[in-house]
Amino acid sequence: EGKRFNESTKGWVVGKTHETTKEILQTYLLGSRYDIGTGMIPK
């Protein structure tokens, strides 16, 4: 029921450091850095 975009988007995900962005946000969204596509966005 939240906000929807009916077009392709540009988004930022931002952490405190590059390392925390990689370890937390990147992992949740894209999956393991050794297997991109195993996160919330399918390969």
PDB file of all heavy atoms in Angstrom:
ATOM      1  N   GLU A   1       0.806  -1.207   0.000  1.00  0.00           N
ATOM      2  CA  GLU A   1       0.000   0.000   0.000  1.00  0.00           C
ATOM      3  C   GLU A   1       0.845   1.266   0.000  1.00  0.00           C
ATOM      4  O   GLU A   1       0.315   2.371   0.052  1.00  0.00           O
ATOM      5  CB  GLU A   1      -0.932   0.010   1.221  1.00  0.00           C
ATOM      6  CG  GLU A   1      -1.944  -1.124   1.224  1.00  0.00           C
ATOM      7  CD  GLU A   1      -2.866  -1.089   2.429  1.00  0.00           C
ATOM      8  OE1 GLU A   1      -2.661  -0.214   3.302  1.00  0.00           O
ATOM      9  OE2 GLU A   1      -3.775  -1.936   2.508  1.00  0.00           O
ATOM     10  N   GLY A   2       2.140   1.108  -0.059  1.00  0.00           N
ATOM     11  CA  GLY A   2       3.042   2.253  -0.021  1.00  0.00           C
ATOM     12  C   GLY A   2       3.258   2.873  -1.385  1.00  0.00           C
ATOM     13  O   GLY A   2       2.546   2.588  -2.357  1.00  0.00           O
ATOM     14  N   LYS A   3       4.247   3.730  -1.459  1.00  0.00           N
ATOM     15  CA  LYS A   3       4.601   4.428  -2.691  1.00  0.00           C
ATOM     16  C   LYS A   3       4.926   3.433  -3.800  1.00  0.00           C
ATOM     17  O   LYS A   3       5.594   2.421  -3.572  1.00  0.00           O
ATOM     18  CB  LYS A   3       5.805   5.337  -2.427  1.00  0.00           C
ATOM     19  CG  LYS A   3       6.378   6.025  -3.634  1.00  0.00           C
ATOM     20  CD  LYS A   3       5.511   7.151  -4.122  1.00  0.00           C
ATOM     21  CE  LYS A   3       6.208   7.943  -5.219  1.00  0.00           C
ATOM     22  NZ  LYS A   3       5.368   9.036  -5.747  1.00  0.00           N
ATOM     23  N   ARG A   4       4.451   3.717  -5.009  1.00  0.00           N
ATOM     24  CA  ARG A   4       4.775   2.927  -6.196  1.00  0.00           C
ATOM     25  C   ARG A   4       5.303   3.847  -7.293  1.00  0.00           C
ATOM     26  O   ARG A   4       4.804   4.957  -7.460  1.00  0.00           O
ATOM     27  CB  ARG A   4       3.548   2.184  -6.725  1.00  0.00           C
ATOM     28  CG  ARG A   4       3.057   1.027  -5.860  1.00  0.00           C
ATOM     29  CD  ARG A   4       1.768   0.453  -6.436  1.00  0.00           C
ATOM     30  NE  ARG A   4       1.242  -0.630  -5.624  1.00  0.00           N
ATOM     31  CZ  ARG A   4       1.276  -1.917  -5.958  1.00  0.00           C
ATOM     32  NH1 ARG A   4       1.784  -2.267  -7.123  1.00  0.00           N
ATOM     33  NH2 ARG A   4       0.779  -2.844  -5.150  1.00  0.00           N
ATOM     34  N   PHE A   5       6.289   3.348  -8.010  1.00  0.00           N
ATOM     35  CA  PHE A   5       6.777   4.045  -9.196  1.00  0.00           C
ATOM     36  C   PHE A   5       6.402   3.214 -10.415  1.00  0.00           C
ATOM     37  O   PHE A   5       6.730   2.032 -10.486  1.00  0.00           O
ATOM     38  CB  PHE A   5       8.295   4.218  -9.140  1.00  0.00           C
ATOM     39  CG  PHE A   5       8.770   5.124  -8.040  1.00  0.00           C
ATOM     40  CD1 PHE A   5       9.235   4.593  -6.844  1.00  0.00           C
ATOM     41  CD2 PHE A   5       8.761   6.503  -8.203  1.00  0.00           C
ATOM     42  CE1 PHE A   5       9.682   5.432  -5.821  1.00  0.00           C
ATOM     43  CE2 PHE A   5       9.208   7.343  -7.200  1.00  0.00           C
ATOM     44  CZ  PHE A   5       9.659   6.808  -5.996  1.00  0.00           C
ATOM     45  N   ASN A   6       5.729   3.813 -11.371  1.00  0.00           N
ATOM     46  CA  ASN A   6       5.336   3.117 -12.587  1.00  0.00           C
ATOM     47  C   ASN A   6       6.304   3.413 -13.723  1.00  0.00           C
ATOM     48  O   ASN A   6       5.904   3.568 -14.886  1.00  0.00           O
ATOM     49  CB  ASN A   6       3.905   3.511 -12.972  1.00  0.00           C
ATOM     50  CG  ASN A   6       2.894   3.013 -11.962  1.00  0.00           C
ATOM     51  OD1 ASN A   6       2.994   1.884 -11.482  1.00  0.00           O
ATOM     52  ND2 ASN A   6       1.942   3.853 -11.624  1.00  0.00           N
ATOM     53  N   GLU A   7       7.567   3.492 -13.373  1.00  0.00           N
ATOM     54  CA  GLU A   7       8.641   3.718 -14.335  1.00  0.00           C
ATOM     55  C   GLU A   7       9.933   3.240 -13.699  1.00  0.00           C
ATOM     56  O   GLU A   7      10.002   3.010 -12.488  1.00  0.00           O
ATOM     57  CB  GLU A   7       8.756   5.210 -14.656  1.00  0.00           C
ATOM     58  CG  GLU A   7       9.070   6.059 -13.437  1.00  0.00           C
ATOM     59  CD  GLU A   7       9.133   7.550 -13.750  1.00  0.00           C
ATOM     60  OE1 GLU A   7       9.114   7.901 -14.935  1.00  0.00           O
ATOM     61  OE2 GLU A   7       9.220   8.353 -12.801  1.00  0.00           O
ATOM     62  N   SER A   8      10.950   3.051 -14.518  1.00  0.00           N
ATOM     63  CA  SER A   8      12.252   2.679 -13.970  1.00  0.00           C
ATOM     64  C   SER A   8      12.757   3.795 -13.066  1.00  0.00           C
ATOM     65  O   SER A   8      12.420   4.967 -13.252  1.00  0.00           O
ATOM     66  CB  SER A   8      13.246   2.396 -15.098  1.00  0.00           C
ATOM     67  OG  SER A   8      13.355   3.509 -15.967  1.00  0.00           O
ATOM     68  N   THR A   9      13.547   3.441 -12.086  1.00  0.00           N
ATOM     69  CA  THR A   9      13.942   4.389 -11.047  1.00  0.00           C
ATOM     70  C   THR A   9      15.460   4.459 -10.893  1.00  0.00           C
ATOM     71  O   THR A   9      16.190   3.560 -11.309  1.00  0.00           O
ATOM     72  CB  THR A   9      13.343   4.001  -9.686  1.00  0.00           C
ATOM     73  OG1 THR A   9      13.883   2.729  -9.276  1.00  0.00           O
ATOM     74  CG2 THR A   9      11.828   3.919  -9.743  1.00  0.00           C
ATOM     75  N   LYS A  10      15.881   5.547 -10.263  1.00  0.00           N
ATOM     76  CA  LYS A  10      17.250   5.664  -9.769  1.00  0.00           C
ATOM     77  C   LYS A  10      17.158   5.769  -8.255  1.00  0.00           C
ATOM     78  O   LYS A  10      16.427   6.610  -7.724  1.00  0.00           O
ATOM     79  CB  LYS A  10      17.959   6.888 -10.331  1.00  0.00           C
ATOM     80  CG  LYS A  10      19.378   7.081  -9.772  1.00  0.00           C
ATOM     81  CD  LYS A  10      20.033   8.351 -10.282  1.00  0.00           C
ATOM     82  CE  LYS A  10      20.489   8.185 -11.701  1.00  0.00           C
ATOM     83  NZ  LYS A  10      21.303   9.352 -12.163  1.00  0.00           N
ATOM     84  N   GLY A  11      17.877   4.889  -7.558  1.00  0.00           N
ATOM     85  CA  GLY A  11      17.832   4.897  -6.104  1.00  0.00           C
ATOM     86  C   GLY A  11      19.216   4.867  -5.489  1.00  0.00           C
ATOM     87  O   GLY A  11      20.182   4.414  -6.120  1.00  0.00           O
ATOM     88  N   TRP A  12      19.294   5.390  -4.285  1.00  0.00           N
ATOM     89  CA  TRP A  12      20.530   5.338  -3.505  1.00  0.00           C
ATOM     90  C   TRP A  12      20.289   4.514  -2.260  1.00  0.00           C
ATOM     91  O   TRP A  12      19.271   4.690  -1.565  1.00  0.00           O
ATOM     92  CB  TRP A  12      20.958   6.730  -3.052  1.00  0.00           C
ATOM     93  CG  TRP A  12      21.388   7.683  -4.117  1.00  0.00           C
ATOM     94  CD1 TRP A  12      21.641   7.417  -5.436  1.00  0.00           C
ATOM     95  CD2 TRP A  12      21.637   9.092  -3.940  1.00  0.00           C
ATOM     96  NE1 TRP A  12      22.035   8.550  -6.090  1.00  0.00           N
ATOM     97  CE2 TRP A  12      22.035   9.600  -5.209  1.00  0.00           C
ATOM     98  CE3 TRP A  12      21.560   9.953  -2.861  1.00  0.00           C
ATOM     99  CZ2 TRP A  12      22.350  10.942  -5.400  1.00  0.00           C
ATOM    100  CZ3 TRP A  12      21.870  11.292  -3.042  1.00  0.00           C
ATOM    101  CH2 TRP A  12      22.265  11.778  -4.302  1.00  0.00           C
ATOM    102  N   VAL A  13      21.227   3.618  -1.948  1.00  0.00           N
ATOM    103  CA  VAL A  13      21.257   2.980  -0.634  1.00  0.00           C
ATOM    104  C   VAL A  13      22.550   3.415   0.028  1.00  0.00           C
ATOM    105  O   VAL A  13      23.628   3.328  -0.575  1.00  0.00           O
ATOM    106  CB  VAL A  13      21.134   1.443  -0.723  1.00  0.00           C
ATOM    107  CG1 VAL A  13      19.726   1.029  -1.091  1.00  0.00           C
ATOM    108  CG2 VAL A  13      22.113   0.851  -1.721  1.00  0.00           C
ATOM    109  N   VAL A  14      22.434   3.889   1.251  1.00  0.00           N
ATOM    110  CA  VAL A  14      23.552   4.598   1.878  1.00  0.00           C
ATOM    111  C   VAL A  14      23.813   4.051   3.274  1.00  0.00           C
ATOM    112  O   VAL A  14      22.907   3.995   4.119  1.00  0.00           O
ATOM    113  CB  VAL A  14      23.243   6.114   1.976  1.00  0.00           C
ATOM    114  CG1 VAL A  14      24.472   6.871   2.462  1.00  0.00           C
ATOM    115  CG2 VAL A  14      22.750   6.680   0.647  1.00  0.00           C
ATOM    116  N   GLY A  15      25.050   3.654   3.525  1.00  0.00           N
ATOM    117  CA  GLY A  15      25.460   3.202   4.844  1.00  0.00           C
ATOM    118  C   GLY A  15      26.464   4.154   5.473  1.00  0.00           C
ATOM    119  O   GLY A  15      26.901   5.127   4.848  1.00  0.00           O
ATOM    120  N   LYS A  16      26.867   3.852   6.694  1.00  0.00           N
ATOM    121  CA  LYS A  16      27.812   4.727   7.398  1.00  0.00           C
ATOM    122  C   LYS A  16      29.175   4.720   6.731  1.00  0.00           C
ATOM    123  O   LYS A  16      29.837   5.750   6.636  1.00  0.00           O
ATOM    124  CB  LYS A  16      27.945   4.291   8.861  1.00  0.00           C
ATOM    125  CG  LYS A  16      26.683   4.504   9.676  1.00  0.00           C
ATOM    126  CD  LYS A  16      26.927   4.286  11.163  1.00  0.00           C
ATOM    127  CE  LYS A  16      27.718   5.433  11.752  1.00  0.00           C
ATOM    128  NZ  LYS A  16      27.791   5.365  13.226  1.00  0.00           N
ATOM    129  N   THR A  17      29.617   3.552   6.291  1.00  0.00           N
ATOM    130  CA  THR A  17      30.912   3.425   5.619  1.00  0.00           C
ATOM    131  C   THR A  17      30.719   2.585   4.364  1.00  0.00           C
ATOM    132  O   THR A  17      29.687   1.924   4.185  1.00  0.00           O
ATOM    133  CB  THR A  17      31.957   2.743   6.520  1.00  0.00           C
ATOM    134  OG1 THR A  17      31.556   1.377   6.725  1.00  0.00           O
ATOM    135  CG2 THR A  17      32.076   3.452   7.870  1.00  0.00           C
ATOM    136  N   HIS A  18      31.712   2.583   3.487  1.00  0.00           N
ATOM    137  CA  HIS A  18      31.644   1.722   2.307  1.00  0.00           C
ATOM    138  C   HIS A  18      31.546   0.256   2.719  1.00  0.00           C
ATOM    139  O   HIS A  18      30.854  -0.536   2.069  1.00  0.00           O
ATOM    140  CB  HIS A  18      32.877   1.928   1.427  1.00  0.00           C
ATOM    141  CG  HIS A  18      32.977   3.302   0.840  1.00  0.00           C
ATOM    142  ND1 HIS A  18      31.929   3.909   0.185  1.00  0.00           N
ATOM    143  CD2 HIS A  18      34.007   4.192   0.805  1.00  0.00           C
ATOM    144  CE1 HIS A  18      32.303   5.105  -0.237  1.00  0.00           C
ATOM    145  NE2 HIS A  18      33.557   5.311   0.133  1.00  0.00           N
ATOM    146  N   GLU A  19      32.235  -0.100   3.796  1.00  0.00           N
ATOM    147  CA  GLU A  19      32.256  -1.489   4.234  1.00  0.00           C
ATOM    148  C   GLU A  19      30.884  -1.929   4.766  1.00  0.00           C
ATOM    149  O   GLU A  19      30.423  -3.031   4.449  1.00  0.00           O
ATOM    150  CB  GLU A  19      33.326  -1.700   5.308  1.00  0.00           C
ATOM    151  CG  GLU A  19      34.760  -1.671   4.791  1.00  0.00           C
ATOM    152  CD  GLU A  19      35.255  -0.255   4.481  1.00  0.00           C
ATOM    153  OE1 GLU A  19      34.601   0.731   4.892  1.00  0.00           O
ATOM    154  OE2 GLU A  19      36.304  -0.136   3.816  1.00  0.00           O
ATOM    155  N   THR A  20      30.227  -1.084   5.570  1.00  0.00           N
ATOM    156  CA  THR A  20      28.910  -1.476   6.076  1.00  0.00           C
ATOM    157  C   THR A  20      27.866  -1.487   4.957  1.00  0.00           C
ATOM    158  O   THR A  20      26.961  -2.324   4.955  1.00  0.00           O
ATOM    159  CB  THR A  20      28.443  -0.549   7.213  1.00  0.00           C
ATOM    160  OG1 THR A  20      28.390   0.806   6.744  1.00  0.00           O
ATOM    161  CG2 THR A  20      29.376  -0.637   8.409  1.00  0.00           C
ATOM    162  N   THR A  21      28.017  -0.580   4.000  1.00  0.00           N
ATOM    163  CA  THR A  21      27.123  -0.608   2.841  1.00  0.00           C
ATOM    164  C   THR A  21      27.269  -1.935   2.111  1.00  0.00           C
ATOM    165  O   THR A  21      26.275  -2.562   1.722  1.00  0.00           O
ATOM    166  CB  THR A  21      27.434   0.559   1.888  1.00  0.00           C
ATOM    167  OG1 THR A  21      27.273   1.792   2.587  1.00  0.00           O
ATOM    168  CG2 THR A  21      26.493   0.546   0.688  1.00  0.00           C
ATOM    169  N   LYS A  22      28.506  -2.369   1.927  1.00  0.00           N
ATOM    170  CA  LYS A  22      28.770  -3.633   1.230  1.00  0.00           C
ATOM    171  C   LYS A  22      28.253  -4.827   2.027  1.00  0.00           C
ATOM    172  O   LYS A  22      27.547  -5.688   1.483  1.00  0.00           O
ATOM    173  CB  LYS A  22      30.275  -3.789   0.983  1.00  0.00           C
ATOM    174  CG  LYS A  22      30.664  -5.114   0.338  1.00  0.00           C
ATOM    175  CD  LYS A  22      32.175  -5.251   0.210  1.00  0.00           C
ATOM    176  CE  LYS A  22      32.836  -5.527   1.554  1.00  0.00           C
ATOM    177  NZ  LYS A  22      34.280  -5.836   1.427  1.00  0.00           N
ATOM    178  N   GLU A  23      28.590  -4.869   3.291  1.00  0.00           N
ATOM    179  CA  GLU A  23      28.276  -6.055   4.091  1.00  0.00           C
ATOM    180  C   GLU A  23      26.794  -6.199   4.384  1.00  0.00           C
ATOM    181  O   GLU A  23      26.283  -7.321   4.500  1.00  0.00           O
ATOM    182  CB  GLU A  23      29.068  -6.014   5.404  1.00  0.00           C
ATOM    183  CG  GLU A  23      30.565  -6.087   5.245  1.00  0.00           C
ATOM    184  CD  GLU A  23      31.035  -7.396   4.637  1.00  0.00           C
ATOM    185  OE1 GLU A  23      30.325  -8.416   4.795  1.00  0.00           O
ATOM    186  OE2 GLU A  23      32.104  -7.405   4.002  1.00  0.00           O
ATOM    187  N   ILE A  24      26.075  -5.089   4.504  1.00  0.00           N
ATOM    188  CA  ILE A  24      24.662  -5.160   4.896  1.00  0.00           C
ATOM    189  C   ILE A  24      23.738  -4.915   3.711  1.00  0.00           C
ATOM    190  O   ILE A  24      23.019  -5.816   3.261  1.00  0.00           O
ATOM    191  CB  ILE A  24      24.374  -4.148   6.024  1.00  0.00           C
ATOM    192  CG1 ILE A  24      25.245  -4.445   7.252  1.00  0.00           C
ATOM    193  CG2 ILE A  24      22.883  -4.182   6.403  1.00  0.00           C
ATOM    194  CD1 ILE A  24      25.203  -3.378   8.330  1.00  0.00           C
ATOM    195  N   LEU A  25      23.752  -3.718   3.167  1.00  0.00           N
ATOM    196  CA  LEU A  25      22.765  -3.334   2.159  1.00  0.00           C
ATOM    197  C   LEU A  25      22.995  -4.056   0.835  1.00  0.00           C
ATOM    198  O   LEU A  25      22.045  -4.578   0.235  1.00  0.00           O
ATOM    199  CB  LEU A  25      22.801  -1.815   1.962  1.00  0.00           C
ATOM    200  CG  LEU A  25      22.646  -0.990   3.244  1.00  0.00           C
ATOM    201  CD1 LEU A  25      22.828   0.489   2.949  1.00  0.00           C
ATOM    202  CD2 LEU A  25      21.305  -1.243   3.900  1.00  0.00           C
ATOM    203  N   GLN A  26      24.233  -4.084   0.376  1.00  0.00           N
ATOM    204  CA  GLN A  26      24.544  -4.787  -0.866  1.00  0.00           C
ATOM    205  C   GLN A  26      24.191  -6.264  -0.759  1.00  0.00           C
ATOM    206  O   GLN A  26      23.629  -6.857  -1.691  1.00  0.00           O
ATOM    207  CB  GLN A  26      26.021  -4.617  -1.192  1.00  0.00           C
ATOM    208  CG  GLN A  26      26.485  -5.369  -2.437  1.00  0.00           C
ATOM    209  CD  GLN A  26      27.976  -5.228  -2.672  1.00  0.00           C
ATOM    210  OE1 GLN A  26      28.527  -4.137  -2.568  1.00  0.00           O
ATOM    211  NE2 GLN A  26      28.644  -6.328  -2.967  1.00  0.00           N
ATOM    212  N   THR A  27      24.491  -6.873   0.388  1.00  0.00           N
ATOM    213  CA  THR A  27      24.211  -8.296   0.570  1.00  0.00           C
ATOM    214  C   THR A  27      22.717  -8.575   0.561  1.00  0.00           C
ATOM    215  O   THR A  27      22.250  -9.528  -0.080  1.00  0.00           O
ATOM    216  CB  THR A  27      24.845  -8.798   1.870  1.00  0.00           C
ATOM    217  OG1 THR A  27      26.266  -8.610   1.807  1.00  0.00           O
ATOM    218  CG2 THR A  27      24.543 -10.272   2.098  1.00  0.00           C
ATOM    219  N   TYR A  28      21.942  -7.748   1.263  1.00  0.00           N
ATOM    220  CA  TYR A  28      20.492  -7.954   1.262  1.00  0.00           C
ATOM    221  C   TYR A  28      19.913  -7.839  -0.145  1.00  0.00           C
ATOM    222  O   TYR A  28      19.068  -8.633  -0.551  1.00  0.00           O
ATOM    223  CB  TYR A  28      19.809  -6.936   2.170  1.00  0.00           C
ATOM    224  CG  TYR A  28      19.944  -7.194   3.647  1.00  0.00           C
ATOM    225  CD1 TYR A  28      19.823  -6.150   4.569  1.00  0.00           C
ATOM    226  CD2 TYR A  28      20.188  -8.467   4.149  1.00  0.00           C
ATOM    227  CE1 TYR A  28      19.935  -6.375   5.933  1.00  0.00           C
ATOM    228  CE2 TYR A  28      20.315  -8.699   5.505  1.00  0.00           C
ATOM    229  CZ  TYR A  28      20.185  -7.649   6.393  1.00  0.00           C
ATOM    230  OH  TYR A  28      20.295  -7.867   7.747  1.00  0.00           O
ATOM    231  N   LEU A  29      20.346  -6.835  -0.888  1.00  0.00           N
ATOM    232  CA  LEU A  29      19.736  -6.568  -2.192  1.00  0.00           C
ATOM    233  C   LEU A  29      20.251  -7.490  -3.292  1.00  0.00           C
ATOM    234  O   LEU A  29      19.466  -7.975  -4.121  1.00  0.00           O
ATOM    235  CB  LEU A  29      19.973  -5.117  -2.594  1.00  0.00           C
ATOM    236  CG  LEU A  29      19.140  -4.086  -1.831  1.00  0.00           C
ATOM    237  CD1 LEU A  29      19.665  -2.679  -2.081  1.00  0.00           C
ATOM    238  CD2 LEU A  29      17.679  -4.183  -2.235  1.00  0.00           C
ATOM    239  N   LEU A  30      21.557  -7.725  -3.323  1.00  0.00           N
ATOM    240  CA  LEU A  30      22.155  -8.457  -4.440  1.00  0.00           C
ATOM    241  C   LEU A  30      22.624  -9.858  -4.083  1.00  0.00           C
ATOM    242  O   LEU A  30      22.871 -10.667  -4.984  1.00  0.00           O
ATOM    243  CB  LEU A  30      23.337  -7.664  -5.009  1.00  0.00           C
ATOM    244  CG  LEU A  30      23.024  -6.238  -5.477  1.00  0.00           C
ATOM    245  CD1 LEU A  30      24.296  -5.574  -6.006  1.00  0.00           C
ATOM    246  CD2 LEU A  30      21.943  -6.231  -6.546  1.00  0.00           C
ATOM    247  N   GLY A  31      22.775 -10.139  -2.790  1.00  0.00           N
ATOM    248  CA  GLY A  31      23.248 -11.445  -2.369  1.00  0.00           C
ATOM    249  C   GLY A  31      24.733 -11.445  -2.062  1.00  0.00           C
ATOM    250  O   GLY A  31      25.386 -10.402  -1.999  1.00  0.00           O
ATOM    251  N   SER A  32      25.262 -12.627  -1.891  1.00  0.00           N
ATOM    252  CA  SER A  32      26.681 -12.788  -1.598  1.00  0.00           C
ATOM    253  C   SER A  32      27.532 -12.144  -2.674  1.00  0.00           C
ATOM    254  O   SER A  32      27.227 -12.228  -3.870  1.00  0.00           O
ATOM    255  CB  SER A  32      27.025 -14.277  -1.501  1.00  0.00           C
ATOM    256  OG  SER A  32      28.427 -14.469  -1.539  1.00  0.00           O
ATOM    257  N   ARG A  33      28.596 -11.478  -2.279  1.00  0.00           N
ATOM    258  CA  ARG A  33      29.481 -10.853  -3.268  1.00  0.00           C
ATOM    259  C   ARG A  33      30.144 -11.898  -4.154  1.00  0.00           C
ATOM    260  O   ARG A  33      30.698 -11.568  -5.201  1.00  0.00           O
ATOM    261  CB  ARG A  33      30.518  -9.981  -2.572  1.00  0.00           C
ATOM    262  CG  ARG A  33      31.369 -10.673  -1.528  1.00  0.00           C
ATOM    263  CD  ARG A  33      32.169  -9.622  -0.766  1.00  0.00           C
ATOM    264  NE  ARG A  33      33.036 -10.170   0.252  1.00  0.00           N
ATOM    265  CZ  ARG A  33      32.658 -10.396   1.514  1.00  0.00           C
ATOM    266  NH1 ARG A  33      31.411 -10.144   1.878  1.00  0.00           N
ATOM    267  NH2 ARG A  33      33.510 -10.871   2.402  1.00  0.00           N
ATOM    268  N   TYR A  34      30.098 -13.165  -3.741  1.00  0.00           N
ATOM    269  CA  TYR A  34      30.641 -14.244  -4.559  1.00  0.00           C
ATOM    270  C   TYR A  34      29.573 -14.868  -5.455  1.00  0.00           C
ATOM    271  O   TYR A  34      29.878 -15.712  -6.287  1.00  0.00           O
ATOM    272  CB  TYR A  34      31.257 -15.320  -3.672  1.00  0.00           C
ATOM    273  CG  TYR A  34      32.302 -14.776  -2.736  1.00  0.00           C
ATOM    274  CD1 TYR A  34      32.083 -14.778  -1.364  1.00  0.00           C
ATOM    275  CD2 TYR A  34      33.497 -14.240  -3.223  1.00  0.00           C
ATOM    276  CE1 TYR A  34      33.045 -14.266  -0.501  1.00  0.00           C
ATOM    277  CE2 TYR A  34      34.450 -13.720  -2.361  1.00  0.00           C
ATOM    278  CZ  TYR A  34      34.213 -13.744  -0.995  1.00  0.00           C
ATOM    279  OH  TYR A  34      35.145 -13.215  -0.134  1.00  0.00           O
ATOM    280  N   ASP A  35      28.315 -14.447  -5.261  1.00  0.00           N
ATOM    281  CA  ASP A  35      27.222 -15.010  -6.052  1.00  0.00           C
ATOM    282  C   ASP A  35      26.123 -13.957  -6.193  1.00  0.00           C
ATOM    283  O   ASP A  35      25.040 -14.073  -5.610  1.00  0.00           O
ATOM    284  CB  ASP A  35      26.685 -16.279  -5.388  1.00  0.00           C
ATOM    285  CG  ASP A  35      25.750 -17.064  -6.302  1.00  0.00           C
ATOM    286  OD1 ASP A  35      25.650 -16.706  -7.492  1.00  0.00           O
ATOM    287  OD2 ASP A  35      25.125 -18.030  -5.829  1.00  0.00           O
ATOM    288  N   ILE A  36      26.398 -12.899  -6.952  1.00  0.00           N
ATOM    289  CA  ILE A  36      25.441 -11.817  -7.153  1.00  0.00           C
ATOM    290  C   ILE A  36      24.157 -12.383  -7.774  1.00  0.00           C
ATOM    291  O   ILE A  36      24.198 -13.155  -8.726  1.00  0.00           O
ATOM    292  CB  ILE A  36      26.035 -10.731  -8.067  1.00  0.00           C
ATOM    293  CG1 ILE A  36      27.241 -10.056  -7.390  1.00  0.00           C
ATOM    294  CG2 ILE A  36      24.979  -9.694  -8.445  1.00  0.00           C
ATOM    295  CD1 ILE A  36      26.897  -9.260  -6.159  1.00  0.00           C
ATOM    296  N   GLY A  37      23.028 -11.979  -7.203  1.00  0.00           N
ATOM    297  CA  GLY A  37      21.744 -12.465  -7.681  1.00  0.00           C
ATOM    298  C   GLY A  37      21.070 -13.412  -6.722  1.00  0.00           C
ATOM    299  O   GLY A  37      20.021 -13.984  -7.022  1.00  0.00           O
ATOM    300  N   THR A  38      21.644 -13.571  -5.528  1.00  0.00           N
ATOM    301  CA  THR A  38      21.049 -14.442  -4.513  1.00  0.00           C
ATOM    302  C   THR A  38      20.402 -13.630  -3.392  1.00  0.00           C
ATOM    303  O   THR A  38      20.078 -14.163  -2.342  1.00  0.00           O
ATOM    304  CB  THR A  38      22.113 -15.393  -3.921  1.00  0.00           C
ATOM    305  OG1 THR A  38      23.224 -14.615  -3.438  1.00  0.00           O
ATOM    306  CG2 THR A  38      22.617 -16.367  -4.980  1.00  0.00           C
ATOM    307  N   GLY A  39      20.229 -12.320  -3.640  1.00  0.00           N
ATOM    308  CA  GLY A  39      19.568 -11.466  -2.661  1.00  0.00           C
ATOM    309  C   GLY A  39      18.114 -11.233  -3.021  1.00  0.00           C
ATOM    310  O   GLY A  39      17.464 -12.070  -3.670  1.00  0.00           O
ATOM    311  N   MET A  40      17.573 -10.096  -2.632  1.00  0.00           N
ATOM    312  CA  MET A  40      16.166  -9.798  -2.855  1.00  0.00           C
ATOM    313  C   MET A  40      15.833  -9.546  -4.323  1.00  0.00           C
ATOM    314  O   MET A  40      14.696  -9.725  -4.743  1.00  0.00           O
ATOM    315  CB  MET A  40      15.767  -8.592  -2.007  1.00  0.00           C
ATOM    316  CG  MET A  40      15.837  -8.857  -0.519  1.00  0.00           C
ATOM    317  SD  MET A  40      15.478  -7.379   0.440  1.00  0.00           S
ATOM    318  CE  MET A  40      15.579  -8.065   2.113  1.00  0.00           C
ATOM    319  N   ILE A  41      16.806  -9.087  -5.091  1.00  0.00           N
ATOM    320  CA  ILE A  41      16.599  -8.895  -6.525  1.00  0.00           C
ATOM    321  C   ILE A  41      17.129 -10.129  -7.242  1.00  0.00           C
ATOM    322  O   ILE A  41      18.308 -10.466  -7.137  1.00  0.00           O
ATOM    323  CB  ILE A  41      17.311  -7.625  -7.022  1.00  0.00           C
ATOM    324  CG1 ILE A  41      16.750  -6.398  -6.289  1.00  0.00           C
ATOM    325  CG2 ILE A  41      17.149  -7.475  -8.530  1.00  0.00           C
ATOM    326  CD1 ILE A  41      17.471  -5.115  -6.603  1.00  0.00           C
ATOM    327  N   PRO A  42      16.266 -10.847  -7.970  1.00  0.00           N
ATOM    328  CA  PRO A  42      16.700 -12.115  -8.578  1.00  0.00           C
ATOM    329  C   PRO A  42      17.758 -11.925  -9.655  1.00  0.00           C
ATOM    330  O   PRO A  42      17.811 -10.890 -10.334  1.00  0.00           O
ATOM    331  CB  PRO A  42      15.400 -12.678  -9.166  1.00  0.00           C
ATOM    332  CG  PRO A  42      14.481 -11.516  -9.300  1.00  0.00           C
ATOM    333  CD  PRO A  42      14.860 -10.547  -8.217  1.00  0.00           C
ATOM    334  N   LYS A  43      18.591 -12.940  -9.792  1.00  0.00           N
ATOM    335  CA  LYS A  43      19.704 -12.888 -10.740  1.00  0.00           C
ATOM    336  C   LYS A  43      19.236 -12.597 -12.159  1.00  0.00           C
ATOM    337  O   LYS A  43      19.882 -11.835 -12.897  1.00  0.00           O
ATOM    338  CB  LYS A  43      20.463 -14.215 -10.708  1.00  0.00           C
ATOM    339  CG  LYS A  43      21.655 -14.282 -11.637  1.00  0.00           C
ATOM    340  CD  LYS A  43      22.425 -15.581 -11.472  1.00  0.00           C
ATOM    341  CE  LYS A  43      23.127 -15.640 -10.143  1.00  0.00           C
ATOM    342  NZ  LYS A  43      24.033 -16.815 -10.017  1.00  0.00           N
TER     343      LYS A  43
END
